[in-house]
Structure formats: C-alpha cells, structure tokens
Amino acid sequence: MPAPRKYPDELRERAVRMVLDALDDDSTSQRGVFRRVGERLGVNPETLRGWVRQRQIDAGERPGTTTVETERIRELEQEVRELRRANSILRTASAFFASVPD
C-alpha cells in the first residue's frame, strides 16, 4: 500500500501548471522558477522539480518511465513475489509427500 500523499492532487496540478507557464513566459532560470513557485505555494523546490519532470515524462517530452508503466511494474513485481511464494510452498509440500511412505 503506498504511503499517503503529503500534498493534495489539486495543489500538485496547480504547482506544475504554474511552473510550466513560468518556464514558457519567463527568461529567468529554471532554478529561480522552481524556488519562486515553491515558496509561493509552500512546496520544496526539489519536490516541485520532481513533479514537473514526471509530468514531462508522462507527456512524452522527456525520456523515462511513465506513471502508468511504473504502476504496471509494481503490480508485476507483486505478482512475481506471490508466485515465488506459492512455488516455494508447492516445492515443500511435494518434498514432504515424496518422503512419506505408502
């Protein structure tokens, strides 16, 4: 189960939109934009940078693993853990019944 989010989704969306708009409009550095928007909304600039980066990845503007792909990987890893556990139980049961005389 994922940890609860510290920031509401609405705040995340608004912050990302503000940064992207500022990057399109301003001639200021990226660092300045993240710092300024972060201070205005009470969000750490590095957290904000991560949100923007993930948005760009999801939009196909930057290489990386999308949110959908990350979730699918997480589900597949969980399934692999469950299957390995089931296989282990079956191997143990098989060895037990193979050693029991008729």
PDB file of N, CA and C in Angstrom:
ATOM      1  N   MET A   1       0.849  -1.173   0.000  1.00  0.00           N
ATOM      2  CA  MET A   1       0.000   0.000   0.000  1.00  0.00           C
ATOM      3  C   MET A   1       0.895   1.238   0.000  1.00  0.00           C
ATOM      4  N   PRO A   2       0.664   2.169  -0.928  1.00  0.00           N
ATOM      5  CA  PRO A   2       1.502   3.370  -0.996  1.00  0.00           C
ATOM      6  C   PRO A   2       1.264   4.277   0.206  1.00  0.00           C
ATOM      7  N   ALA A   3       2.284   5.046   0.519  1.00  0.00           N
ATOM      8  CA  ALA A   3       2.179   5.997   1.624  1.00  0.00           C
ATOM      9  C   ALA A   3       1.221   7.120   1.237  1.00  0.00           C
ATOM     10  N   PRO A   4       0.543   7.693   2.231  1.00  0.00           N
ATOM     11  CA  PRO A   4      -0.357   8.802   1.900  1.00  0.00           C
ATOM     12  C   PRO A   4       0.429   9.994   1.373  1.00  0.00           C
ATOM     13  N   ARG A   5      -0.179  10.722   0.479  1.00  0.00           N
ATOM     14  CA  ARG A   5       0.492  11.869  -0.129  1.00  0.00           C
ATOM     15  C   ARG A   5       0.437  13.063   0.804  1.00  0.00           C
ATOM     16  N   LYS A   6       1.549  13.768   0.862  1.00  0.00           N
ATOM     17  CA  LYS A   6       1.643  14.938   1.726  1.00  0.00           C
ATOM     18  C   LYS A   6       0.875  16.109   1.145  1.00  0.00           C
ATOM     19  N   TYR A   7       0.866  16.209  -0.174  1.00  0.00           N
ATOM     20  CA  TYR A   7       0.219  17.327  -0.848  1.00  0.00           C
ATOM     21  C   TYR A   7      -0.996  16.827  -1.619  1.00  0.00           C
ATOM     22  N   PRO A   8      -2.103  17.583  -1.575  1.00  0.00           N
ATOM     23  CA  PRO A   8      -3.286  17.191  -2.358  1.00  0.00           C
ATOM     24  C   PRO A   8      -2.993  17.246  -3.858  1.00  0.00           C
ATOM     25  N   ASP A   9      -3.712  16.441  -4.615  1.00  0.00           N
ATOM     26  CA  ASP A   9      -3.521  16.392  -6.065  1.00  0.00           C
ATOM     27  C   ASP A   9      -3.782  17.752  -6.718  1.00  0.00           C
ATOM     28  N   GLU A  10      -4.755  18.489  -6.182  1.00  0.00           N
ATOM     29  CA  GLU A  10      -5.069  19.803  -6.761  1.00  0.00           C
ATOM     30  C   GLU A  10      -3.874  20.746  -6.645  1.00  0.00           C
ATOM     31  N   LEU A  11      -3.196  20.711  -5.488  1.00  0.00           N
ATOM     32  CA  LEU A  11      -2.018  21.559  -5.295  1.00  0.00           C
ATOM     33  C   LEU A  11      -0.901  21.149  -6.245  1.00  0.00           C
ATOM     34  N   ARG A  12      -0.708  19.851  -6.397  1.00  0.00           N
ATOM     35  CA  ARG A  12       0.327  19.358  -7.314  1.00  0.00           C
ATOM     36  C   ARG A  12       0.067  19.852  -8.730  1.00  0.00           C
ATOM     37  N   GLU A  13      -1.182  19.699  -9.185  1.00  0.00           N
ATOM     38  CA  GLU A  13      -1.533  20.121 -10.545  1.00  0.00           C
ATOM     39  C   GLU A  13      -1.327  21.622 -10.727  1.00  0.00           C
ATOM     40  N   ARG A  14      -1.777  22.384  -9.752  1.00  0.00           N
ATOM     41  CA  ARG A  14      -1.641  23.843  -9.844  1.00  0.00           C
ATOM     42  C   ARG A  14      -0.173  24.243  -9.867  1.00  0.00           C
ATOM     43  N   ALA A  15       0.622  23.632  -9.009  1.00  0.00           N
ATOM     44  CA  ALA A  15       2.043  23.971  -8.937  1.00  0.00           C
ATOM     45  C   ALA A  15       2.750  23.641 -10.247  1.00  0.00           C
ATOM     46  N   VAL A  16       2.468  22.485 -10.798  1.00  0.00           N
ATOM     47  CA  VAL A  16       3.103  22.077 -12.056  1.00  0.00           C
ATOM     48  C   VAL A  16       2.700  23.035 -13.173  1.00  0.00           C
ATOM     49  N   ARG A  17       1.414  23.382 -13.228  1.00  0.00           N
ATOM     50  CA  ARG A  17       0.945  24.330 -14.241  1.00  0.00           C
ATOM     51  C   ARG A  17       1.639  25.677 -14.111  1.00  0.00           C
ATOM     52  N   MET A  18       1.779  26.153 -12.865  1.00  0.00           N
ATOM     53  CA  MET A  18       2.426  27.444 -12.635  1.00  0.00           C
ATOM     54  C   MET A  18       3.879  27.415 -13.103  1.00  0.00           C
ATOM     55  N   VAL A  19       4.586  26.321 -12.806  1.00  0.00           N
ATOM     56  CA  VAL A  19       5.988  26.212 -13.222  1.00  0.00           C
ATOM     57  C   VAL A  19       6.093  26.165 -14.736  1.00  0.00           C
ATOM     58  N   LEU A  20       5.270  25.347 -15.376  1.00  0.00           N
ATOM     59  CA  LEU A  20       5.340  25.234 -16.830  1.00  0.00           C
ATOM     60  C   LEU A  20       4.996  26.547 -17.510  1.00  0.00           C
ATOM     61  N   ASP A  21       4.006  27.256 -16.974  1.00  0.00           N
ATOM     62  CA  ASP A  21       3.668  28.573 -17.527  1.00  0.00           C
ATOM     63  C   ASP A  21       4.822  29.549 -17.338  1.00  0.00           C
ATOM     64  N   ALA A  22       5.429  29.534 -16.159  1.00  0.00           N
ATOM     65  CA  ALA A  22       6.540  30.444 -15.874  1.00  0.00           C
ATOM     66  C   ALA A  22       7.746  30.122 -16.743  1.00  0.00           C
ATOM     67  N   LEU A  23       7.990  28.844 -16.991  1.00  0.00           N
ATOM     68  CA  LEU A  23       9.121  28.468 -17.845  1.00  0.00           C
ATOM     69  C   LEU A  23       8.892  28.910 -19.281  1.00  0.00           C
ATOM     70  N   ASP A  24       7.636  28.887 -19.733  1.00  0.00           N
ATOM     71  CA  ASP A  24       7.316  29.336 -21.088  1.00  0.00           C
ATOM     72  C   ASP A  24       7.404  30.855 -21.216  1.00  0.00           C
ATOM     73  N   ASP A  25       6.970  31.576 -20.186  1.00  0.00           N
ATOM     74  CA  ASP A  25       6.882  33.033 -20.246  1.00  0.00           C
ATOM     75  C   ASP A  25       8.152  33.757 -19.822  1.00  0.00           C
ATOM     76  N   ASP A  26       8.812  33.262 -18.802  1.00  0.00           N
ATOM     77  CA  ASP A  26       9.923  33.996 -18.185  1.00  0.00           C
ATOM     78  C   ASP A  26      11.259  33.716 -18.860  1.00  0.00           C
ATOM     79  N   SER A  27      12.140  34.646 -18.663  1.00  0.00           N
ATOM     80  CA  SER A  27      13.523  34.434 -19.095  1.00  0.00           C
ATOM     81  C   SER A  27      14.388  34.067 -17.900  1.00  0.00           C
ATOM     82  N   THR A  28      13.752  33.899 -16.712  1.00  0.00           N
ATOM     83  CA  THR A  28      14.505  33.523 -15.520  1.00  0.00           C
ATOM     84  C   THR A  28      14.949  32.074 -15.616  1.00  0.00           C
ATOM     85  N   SER A  29      15.921  31.746 -14.800  1.00  0.00           N
ATOM     86  CA  SER A  29      16.456  30.383 -14.815  1.00  0.00           C
ATOM     87  C   SER A  29      15.420  29.411 -14.265  1.00  0.00           C
ATOM     88  N   GLN A  30      15.592  28.155 -14.626  1.00  0.00           N
ATOM     89  CA  GLN A  30      14.687  27.127 -14.122  1.00  0.00           C
ATOM     90  C   GLN A  30      14.736  27.069 -12.606  1.00  0.00           C
ATOM     91  N   ARG A  31      15.939  27.149 -12.056  1.00  0.00           N
ATOM     92  CA  ARG A  31      16.095  27.080 -10.607  1.00  0.00           C
ATOM     93  C   ARG A  31      15.282  28.180  -9.933  1.00  0.00           C
ATOM     94  N   GLY A  32      15.323  29.386 -10.502  1.00  0.00           N
ATOM     95  CA  GLY A  32      14.571  30.505  -9.943  1.00  0.00           C
ATOM     96  C   GLY A  32      13.078  30.282 -10.000  1.00  0.00           C
ATOM     97  N   VAL A  33      12.608  29.676 -11.075  1.00  0.00           N
ATOM     98  CA  VAL A  33      11.181  29.411 -11.221  1.00  0.00           C
ATOM     99  C   VAL A  33      10.731  28.409 -10.166  1.00  0.00           C
ATOM    100  N   PHE A  34      11.463  27.330  -9.994  1.00  0.00           N
ATOM    101  CA  PHE A  34      11.091  26.317  -9.008  1.00  0.00           C
ATOM    102  C   PHE A  34      11.105  26.903  -7.598  1.00  0.00           C
ATOM    103  N   ARG A  35      12.103  27.711  -7.317  1.00  0.00           N
ATOM    104  CA  ARG A  35      12.209  28.315  -5.990  1.00  0.00           C
ATOM    105  C   ARG A  35      11.056  29.283  -5.746  1.00  0.00           C
ATOM    106  N   ARG A  36      10.779  30.137  -6.730  1.00  0.00           N
ATOM    107  CA  ARG A  36       9.737  31.150  -6.581  1.00  0.00           C
ATOM    108  C   ARG A  36       8.351  30.515  -6.425  1.00  0.00           C
ATOM    109  N   VAL A  37       8.021  29.566  -7.283  1.00  0.00           N
ATOM    110  CA  VAL A  37       6.713  28.911  -7.198  1.00  0.00           C
ATOM    111  C   VAL A  37       6.631  28.075  -5.920  1.00  0.00           C
ATOM    112  N   GLY A  38       7.714  27.405  -5.570  1.00  0.00           N
ATOM    113  CA  GLY A  38       7.730  26.610  -4.348  1.00  0.00           C
ATOM    114  C   GLY A  38       7.489  27.448  -3.108  1.00  0.00           C
ATOM    115  N   GLU A  39       8.128  28.596  -3.039  1.00  0.00           N
ATOM    116  CA  GLU A  39       7.923  29.492  -1.896  1.00  0.00           C
ATOM    117  C   GLU A  39       6.493  29.999  -1.847  1.00  0.00           C
ATOM    118  N   ARG A  40       5.951  30.317  -2.994  1.00  0.00           N
ATOM    119  CA  ARG A  40       4.592  30.856  -3.061  1.00  0.00           C
ATOM    120  C   ARG A  40       3.563  29.834  -2.579  1.00  0.00           C
ATOM    121  N   LEU A  41       3.793  28.556  -2.895  1.00  0.00           N
ATOM    122  CA  LEU A  41       2.816  27.520  -2.550  1.00  0.00           C
ATOM    123  C   LEU A  41       3.204  26.692  -1.333  1.00  0.00           C
ATOM    124  N   GLY A  42       4.390  26.914  -0.784  1.00  0.00           N
ATOM    125  CA  GLY A  42       4.821  26.141   0.375  1.00  0.00           C
ATOM    126  C   GLY A  42       5.258  24.733   0.029  1.00  0.00           C
ATOM    127  N   VAL A  43       5.893  24.586  -1.131  1.00  0.00           N
ATOM    128  CA  VAL A  43       6.365  23.283  -1.602  1.00  0.00           C
ATOM    129  C   VAL A  43       7.867  23.363  -1.801  1.00  0.00           C
ATOM    130  N   ASN A  44       8.579  22.337  -1.377  1.00  0.00           N
ATOM    131  CA  ASN A  44      10.025  22.293  -1.573  1.00  0.00           C
ATOM    132  C   ASN A  44      10.326  22.349  -3.072  1.00  0.00           C
ATOM    133  N   PRO A  45      11.279  23.183  -3.489  1.00  0.00           N
ATOM    134  CA  PRO A  45      11.594  23.293  -4.924  1.00  0.00           C
ATOM    135  C   PRO A  45      12.015  21.971  -5.564  1.00  0.00           C
ATOM    136  N   GLU A  46      12.719  21.129  -4.827  1.00  0.00           N
ATOM    137  CA  GLU A  46      13.129  19.836  -5.402  1.00  0.00           C
ATOM    138  C   GLU A  46      11.932  18.907  -5.587  1.00  0.00           C
ATOM    139  N   THR A  47      10.992  18.973  -4.683  1.00  0.00           N
ATOM    140  CA  THR A  47       9.756  18.200  -4.844  1.00  0.00           C
ATOM    141  C   THR A  47       9.017  18.675  -6.086  1.00  0.00           C
ATOM    142  N   LEU A  48       8.939  19.977  -6.221  1.00  0.00           N
ATOM    143  CA  LEU A  48       8.281  20.577  -7.377  1.00  0.00           C
ATOM    144  C   LEU A  48       8.984  20.189  -8.676  1.00  0.00           C
ATOM    145  N   ARG A  49      10.309  20.175  -8.653  1.00  0.00           N
ATOM    146  CA  ARG A  49      11.082  19.778  -9.834  1.00  0.00           C
ATOM    147  C   ARG A  49      10.763  18.333 -10.224  1.00  0.00           C
ATOM    148  N   GLY A  50      10.622  17.463  -9.234  1.00  0.00           N
ATOM    149  CA  GLY A  50      10.270  16.071  -9.498  1.00  0.00           C
ATOM    150  C   GLY A  50       8.888  15.935 -10.120  1.00  0.00           C
ATOM    151  N   TRP A  51       7.937  16.720  -9.624  1.00  0.00           N
ATOM    152  CA  TRP A  51       6.588  16.684 -10.189  1.00  0.00           C
ATOM    153  C   TRP A  51       6.594  17.114 -11.646  1.00  0.00           C
ATOM    154  N   VAL A  52       7.326  18.186 -11.932  1.00  0.00           N
ATOM    155  CA  VAL A  52       7.387  18.699 -13.306  1.00  0.00           C
ATOM    156  C   VAL A  52       8.071  17.680 -14.210  1.00  0.00           C
ATOM    157  N   ARG A  53       9.167  17.099 -13.739  1.00  0.00           N
ATOM    158  CA  ARG A  53       9.886  16.102 -14.523  1.00  0.00           C
ATOM    159  C   ARG A  53       8.968  14.922 -14.843  1.00  0.00           C
ATOM    160  N   GLN A  54       8.203  14.440 -13.843  1.00  0.00           N
ATOM    161  CA  GLN A  54       7.304  13.315 -14.082  1.00  0.00           C
ATOM    162  C   GLN A  54       6.206  13.697 -15.064  1.00  0.00           C
ATOM    163  N   ARG A  55       5.699  14.904 -14.981  1.00  0.00           N
ATOM    164  CA  ARG A  55       4.682  15.365 -15.932  1.00  0.00           C
ATOM    165  C   ARG A  55       5.245  15.360 -17.348  1.00  0.00           C
ATOM    166  N   GLN A  56       6.498  15.818 -17.512  1.00  0.00           N
ATOM    167  CA  GLN A  56       7.127  15.837 -18.827  1.00  0.00           C
ATOM    168  C   GLN A  56       7.352  14.422 -19.348  1.00  0.00           C
ATOM    169  N   ILE A  57       7.703  13.505 -18.467  1.00  0.00           N
ATOM    170  CA  ILE A  57       7.880  12.100 -18.870  1.00  0.00           C
ATOM    171  C   ILE A  57       6.547  11.520 -19.317  1.00  0.00           C
ATOM    172  N   ASP A  58       5.498  11.767 -18.530  1.00  0.00           N
ATOM    173  CA  ASP A  58       4.172  11.246 -18.877  1.00  0.00           C
ATOM    174  C   ASP A  58       3.665  11.815 -20.193  1.00  0.00           C
ATOM    175  N   ALA A  59       4.052  13.054 -20.498  1.00  0.00           N
ATOM    176  CA  ALA A  59       3.614  13.696 -21.746  1.00  0.00           C
ATOM    177  C   ALA A  59       4.480  13.290 -22.936  1.00  0.00           C
ATOM    178  N   GLY A  60       5.554  12.557 -22.692  1.00  0.00           N
ATOM    179  CA  GLY A  60       6.434  12.125 -23.776  1.00  0.00           C
ATOM    180  C   GLY A  60       7.448  13.178 -24.179  1.00  0.00           C
ATOM    181  N   GLU A  61       7.592  14.223 -23.387  1.00  0.00           N
ATOM    182  CA  GLU A  61       8.539  15.296 -23.698  1.00  0.00           C
ATOM    183  C   GLU A  61       9.942  14.990 -23.197  1.00  0.00           C
ATOM    184  N   ARG A  62      10.076  13.978 -22.378  1.00  0.00           N
ATOM    185  CA  ARG A  62      11.350  13.635 -21.760  1.00  0.00           C
ATOM    186  C   ARG A  62      11.401  12.115 -21.624  1.00  0.00           C
ATOM    187  N   PRO A  63      12.575  11.524 -21.800  1.00  0.00           N
ATOM    188  CA  PRO A  63      12.659  10.068 -21.657  1.00  0.00           C
ATOM    189  C   PRO A  63      12.548   9.662 -20.194  1.00  0.00           C
ATOM    190  N   GLY A  64      11.991   8.484 -19.970  1.00  0.00           N
ATOM    191  CA  GLY A  64      11.867   7.961 -18.612  1.00  0.00           C
ATOM    192  C   GLY A  64      10.678   7.028 -18.514  1.00  0.00           C
ATOM    193  N   THR A  65      10.461   6.530 -17.313  1.00  0.00           N
ATOM    194  CA  THR A  65       9.371   5.604 -17.054  1.00  0.00           C
ATOM    195  C   THR A  65       8.131   6.385 -16.657  1.00  0.00           C
ATOM    196  N   THR A  66       7.051   6.205 -17.411  1.00  0.00           N
ATOM    197  CA  THR A  66       5.819   6.934 -17.132  1.00  0.00           C
ATOM    198  C   THR A  66       5.170   6.412 -15.854  1.00  0.00           C
ATOM    199  N   THR A  67       4.221   7.178 -15.354  1.00  0.00           N
ATOM    200  CA  THR A  67       3.493   6.791 -14.145  1.00  0.00           C
ATOM    201  C   THR A  67       2.737   5.487 -14.363  1.00  0.00           C
ATOM    202  N   VAL A  68       2.135   5.337 -15.532  1.00  0.00           N
ATOM    203  CA  VAL A  68       1.386   4.116 -15.842  1.00  0.00           C
ATOM    204  C   VAL A  68       2.330   2.918 -15.887  1.00  0.00           C
ATOM    205  N   GLU A  69       3.486   3.080 -16.520  1.00  0.00           N
ATOM    206  CA  GLU A  69       4.461   1.993 -16.589  1.00  0.00           C
ATOM    207  C   GLU A  69       4.976   1.639 -15.201  1.00  0.00           C
ATOM    208  N   THR A  70       5.224   2.641 -14.379  1.00  0.00           N
ATOM    209  CA  THR A  70       5.712   2.398 -13.016  1.00  0.00           C
ATOM    210  C   THR A  70       4.694   1.590 -12.222  1.00  0.00           C
ATOM    211  N   GLU A  71       3.425   1.939 -12.340  1.00  0.00           N
ATOM    212  CA  GLU A  71       2.373   1.203 -11.644  1.00  0.00           C
ATOM    213  C   GLU A  71       2.289  -0.232 -12.149  1.00  0.00           C
ATOM    214  N   ARG A  72       2.407  -0.424 -13.453  1.00  0.00           N
ATOM    215  CA  ARG A  72       2.364  -1.780 -14.023  1.00  0.00           C
ATOM    216  C   ARG A  72       3.553  -2.613 -13.547  1.00  0.00           C
ATOM    217  N   ILE A  73       4.728  -2.002 -13.482  1.00  0.00           N
ATOM    218  CA  ILE A  73       5.919  -2.697 -12.981  1.00  0.00           C
ATOM    219  C   ILE A  73       5.702  -3.116 -11.532  1.00  0.00           C
ATOM    220  N   ARG A  74       5.144  -2.212 -10.740  1.00  0.00           N
ATOM    221  CA  ARG A  74       4.874  -2.512  -9.327  1.00  0.00           C
ATOM    222  C   ARG A  74       3.914  -3.698  -9.204  1.00  0.00           C
ATOM    223  N   GLU A  75       2.862  -3.715 -10.021  1.00  0.00           N
ATOM    224  CA  GLU A  75       1.911  -4.820  -9.992  1.00  0.00           C
ATOM    225  C   GLU A  75       2.572  -6.136 -10.393  1.00  0.00           C
ATOM    226  N   LEU A  76       3.399  -6.101 -11.432  1.00  0.00           N
ATOM    227  CA  LEU A  76       4.072  -7.317 -11.888  1.00  0.00           C
ATOM    228  C   LEU A  76       5.066  -7.836 -10.850  1.00  0.00           C
ATOM    229  N   GLU A  77       5.764  -6.931 -10.190  1.00  0.00           N
ATOM    230  CA  GLU A  77       6.699  -7.349  -9.141  1.00  0.00           C
ATOM    231  C   GLU A  77       5.948  -8.009  -7.989  1.00  0.00           C
ATOM    232  N   GLN A  78       4.782  -7.487  -7.633  1.00  0.00           N
ATOM    233  CA  GLN A  78       3.962  -8.086  -6.584  1.00  0.00           C
ATOM    234  C   GLN A  78       3.509  -9.477  -7.007  1.00  0.00           C
ATOM    235  N   GLU A  79       3.100  -9.619  -8.261  1.00  0.00           N
ATOM    236  CA  GLU A  79       2.668 -10.913  -8.763  1.00  0.00           C
ATOM    237  C   GLU A  79       3.811 -11.923  -8.743  1.00  0.00           C
ATOM    238  N   VAL A  80       5.004 -11.495  -9.118  1.00  0.00           N
ATOM    239  CA  VAL A  80       6.172 -12.382  -9.093  1.00  0.00           C
ATOM    240  C   VAL A  80       6.451 -12.847  -7.669  1.00  0.00           C
ATOM    241  N   ARG A  81       6.370 -11.925  -6.692  1.00  0.00           N
ATOM    242  CA  ARG A  81       6.594 -12.318  -5.286  1.00  0.00           C
ATOM    243  C   ARG A  81       5.580 -13.367  -4.847  1.00  0.00           C
ATOM    244  N   GLU A  82       4.311 -13.159  -5.217  1.00  0.00           N
ATOM    245  CA  GLU A  82       3.265 -14.121  -4.840  1.00  0.00           C
ATOM    246  C   GLU A  82       3.500 -15.478  -5.495  1.00  0.00           C
ATOM    247  N   LEU A  83       3.874 -15.474  -6.764  1.00  0.00           N
ATOM    248  CA  LEU A  83       4.114 -16.735  -7.471  1.00  0.00           C
ATOM    249  C   LEU A  83       5.325 -17.471  -6.902  1.00  0.00           C
ATOM    250  N   ARG A  84       6.370 -16.730  -6.556  1.00  0.00           N
ATOM    251  CA  ARG A  84       7.543 -17.375  -5.942  1.00  0.00           C
ATOM    252  C   ARG A  84       7.184 -17.998  -4.603  1.00  0.00           C
ATOM    253  N   ARG A  85       6.368 -17.310  -3.838  1.00  0.00           N
ATOM    254  CA  ARG A  85       5.945 -17.849  -2.546  1.00  0.00           C
ATOM    255  C   ARG A  85       5.113 -19.115  -2.749  1.00  0.00           C
ATOM    256  N   ALA A  86       4.191 -19.074  -3.712  1.00  0.00           N
ATOM    257  CA  ALA A  86       3.366 -20.251  -3.997  1.00  0.00           C
ATOM    258  C   ALA A  86       4.229 -21.412  -4.472  1.00  0.00           C
ATOM    259  N   ASN A  87       5.209 -21.141  -5.328  1.00  0.00           N
ATOM    260  CA  ASN A  87       6.108 -22.206  -5.795  1.00  0.00           C
ATOM    261  C   ASN A  87       6.897 -22.809  -4.648  1.00  0.00           C
ATOM    262  N   SER A  88       7.341 -21.964  -3.731  1.00  0.00           N
ATOM    263  CA  SER A  88       8.090 -22.451  -2.577  1.00  0.00           C
ATOM    264  C   SER A  88       7.223 -23.375  -1.730  1.00  0.00           C
ATOM    265  N   ILE A  89       5.989 -22.981  -1.505  1.00  0.00           N
ATOM    266  CA  ILE A  89       5.066 -23.813  -0.724  1.00  0.00           C
ATOM    267  C   ILE A  89       4.819 -25.135  -1.442  1.00  0.00           C
ATOM    268  N   LEU A  90       4.634 -25.092  -2.747  1.00  0.00           N
ATOM    269  CA  LEU A  90       4.387 -26.321  -3.510  1.00  0.00           C
ATOM    270  C   LEU A  90       5.602 -27.243  -3.508  1.00  0.00           C
ATOM    271  N   ARG A  91       6.811 -26.670  -3.622  1.00  0.00           N
ATOM    272  CA  ARG A  91       8.027 -27.498  -3.561  1.00  0.00           C
ATOM    273  C   ARG A  91       8.154 -28.179  -2.209  1.00  0.00           C
ATOM    274  N   THR A  92       7.880 -27.439  -1.145  1.00  0.00           N
ATOM    275  CA  THR A  92       7.962 -28.006   0.201  1.00  0.00           C
ATOM    276  C   THR A  92       6.931 -29.116   0.372  1.00  0.00           C
ATOM    277  N   ALA A  93       5.715 -28.888  -0.085  1.00  0.00           N
ATOM    278  CA  ALA A  93       4.669 -29.903   0.018  1.00  0.00           C
ATOM    279  C   ALA A  93       5.023 -31.126  -0.812  1.00  0.00           C
ATOM    280  N   SER A  94       5.556 -30.898  -1.995  1.00  0.00           N
ATOM    281  CA  SER A  94       5.936 -32.009  -2.859  1.00  0.00           C
ATOM    282  C   SER A  94       7.030 -32.859  -2.211  1.00  0.00           C
ATOM    283  N   ALA A  95       8.020 -32.206  -1.624  1.00  0.00           N
ATOM    284  CA  ALA A  95       9.107 -32.938  -0.952  1.00  0.00           C
ATOM    285  C   ALA A  95       8.564 -33.705   0.244  1.00  0.00           C
ATOM    286  N   PHE A  96       7.633 -33.121   0.970  1.00  0.00           N
ATOM    287  CA  PHE A  96       7.049 -33.796   2.129  1.00  0.00           C
ATOM    288  C   PHE A  96       6.306 -35.045   1.697  1.00  0.00           C
ATOM    289  N   PHE A  97       5.449 -34.925   0.692  1.00  0.00           N
ATOM    290  CA  PHE A  97       4.661 -36.084   0.262  1.00  0.00           C
ATOM    291  C   PHE A  97       5.519 -37.124  -0.439  1.00  0.00           C
ATOM    292  N   ALA A  98       6.616 -36.717  -1.040  1.00  0.00           N
ATOM    293  CA  ALA A  98       7.517 -37.694  -1.677  1.00  0.00           C
ATOM    294  C   ALA A  98       8.246 -38.521  -0.619  1.00  0.00           C
ATOM    295  N   SER A  99       8.439 -37.973   0.565  1.00  0.00           N
ATOM    296  CA  SER A  99       9.172 -38.684   1.616  1.00  0.00           C
ATOM    297  C   SER A  99       8.261 -39.537   2.490  1.00  0.00           C
ATOM    298  N   VAL A 100       6.967 -39.387   2.394  1.00  0.00           N
ATOM    299  CA  VAL A 100       6.018 -40.151   3.197  1.00  0.00           C
ATOM    300  C   VAL A 100       5.842 -41.533   2.552  1.00  0.00           C
ATOM    301  N   PRO A 101       6.099 -42.625   3.334  1.00  0.00           N
ATOM    302  CA  PRO A 101       5.931 -43.971   2.744  1.00  0.00           C
ATOM    303  C   PRO A 101       4.451 -44.282   2.565  1.00  0.00           C
ATOM    304  N   ASP A 102       4.168 -45.117   1.576  1.00  0.00           N
ATOM    305  CA  ASP A 102       2.770 -45.514   1.300  1.00  0.00           C
ATOM    306  C   ASP A 102       2.227 -46.439   2.309  1.00  0.00           C
TER     307      ASP A 102
END
